[in-house]
Amino acid sequence: MMPSRLAAWGAIALIVWSTTAGGQTAKPAIPAVGTAWIYTGTLRTVSPGKTPADSDYSMTRRVIEAGPDWFKVEYDVPIGDKKMHYLERHSTDPFAPPLSTETVMLTAEGQPAIAGASLTLTQRSRGEATGTLYPLEIGKSAQYGFTVVSKTGDTPGTRDCKTEGHATVTVPAGSYDAYSVRCKSQVSPTKDYRVDFEAQTQYAPDLGVVIGAQTRTVTTNVSEGRVLAEIMNEYKLTKIETPPAK
């Protein structure tokens, strides 16, 4: 059985991409409070000895607070008959790890799945990077640091990203000029377990938003040399909601 903090990291790795509003190939601007990005997706979970489980879902990422160089979003991701609630603080770089991630498991009705549970810090980043993807060009790369937080200690990790393509991409929200960026990371919360994450994202500079992504998360028991779980997730932008003009 996977340790609870490892399962939590696996859940965090499902949806980790910032979605901001701005333009062109520069880093996007801070979005207005009330802005929301609505995605639809399909989640596939594969575990040894079990039939693969597929589930379709809808996710709304909404900006609830913003500062001069950061903003916060909250959203829910379904996990079986429950949902993981996220509260994230982001910089303007849509490919960087969140500055902070807090999570709590909820029931389908929105109540804590464990009595008395509340949002808990599970990941943080200082926003530092080696290299830069901006201005966006095919072949550019960057590496970001982050830390997975648990009751038993902190685990450092890195996210390596590279711009691989540039094309017109069609999603339910429309067709957009987009850059394709691939990012990979690996975390070992314990000496026996490793989580590998890879994402191919499509980012539309004119919208300043990730319009689609295909992710794969693999949890491995290193000491036994076996995969414990594999999660594939594909989601696409369906709609953008903007707050009324003041």
Foldseek 3Di string as FASTA:
>chain_A
DDDPLVVVVLVCLQDFFDFAFAFDQDQGAHADAFKKWKKKKKKWKDFPPDDIDIDIDMKIWGWHADDRFKTWTWIWDDDVQKIKIWIFIDGSHRVAGTQWIWIFIGGPVGHGPDPPDDTDTFKHFPPDKDFDCPSPDAFGKIKGKMWTDDPVGIWIKMKIKGWHDWDWDQDQQGIATWIWMKIWMKTDPDPQKIKIKIKIWTAHRHGRGTFKMWMKIWMGRRVVGDTGMIMIMIMGTNDMDGDDDD
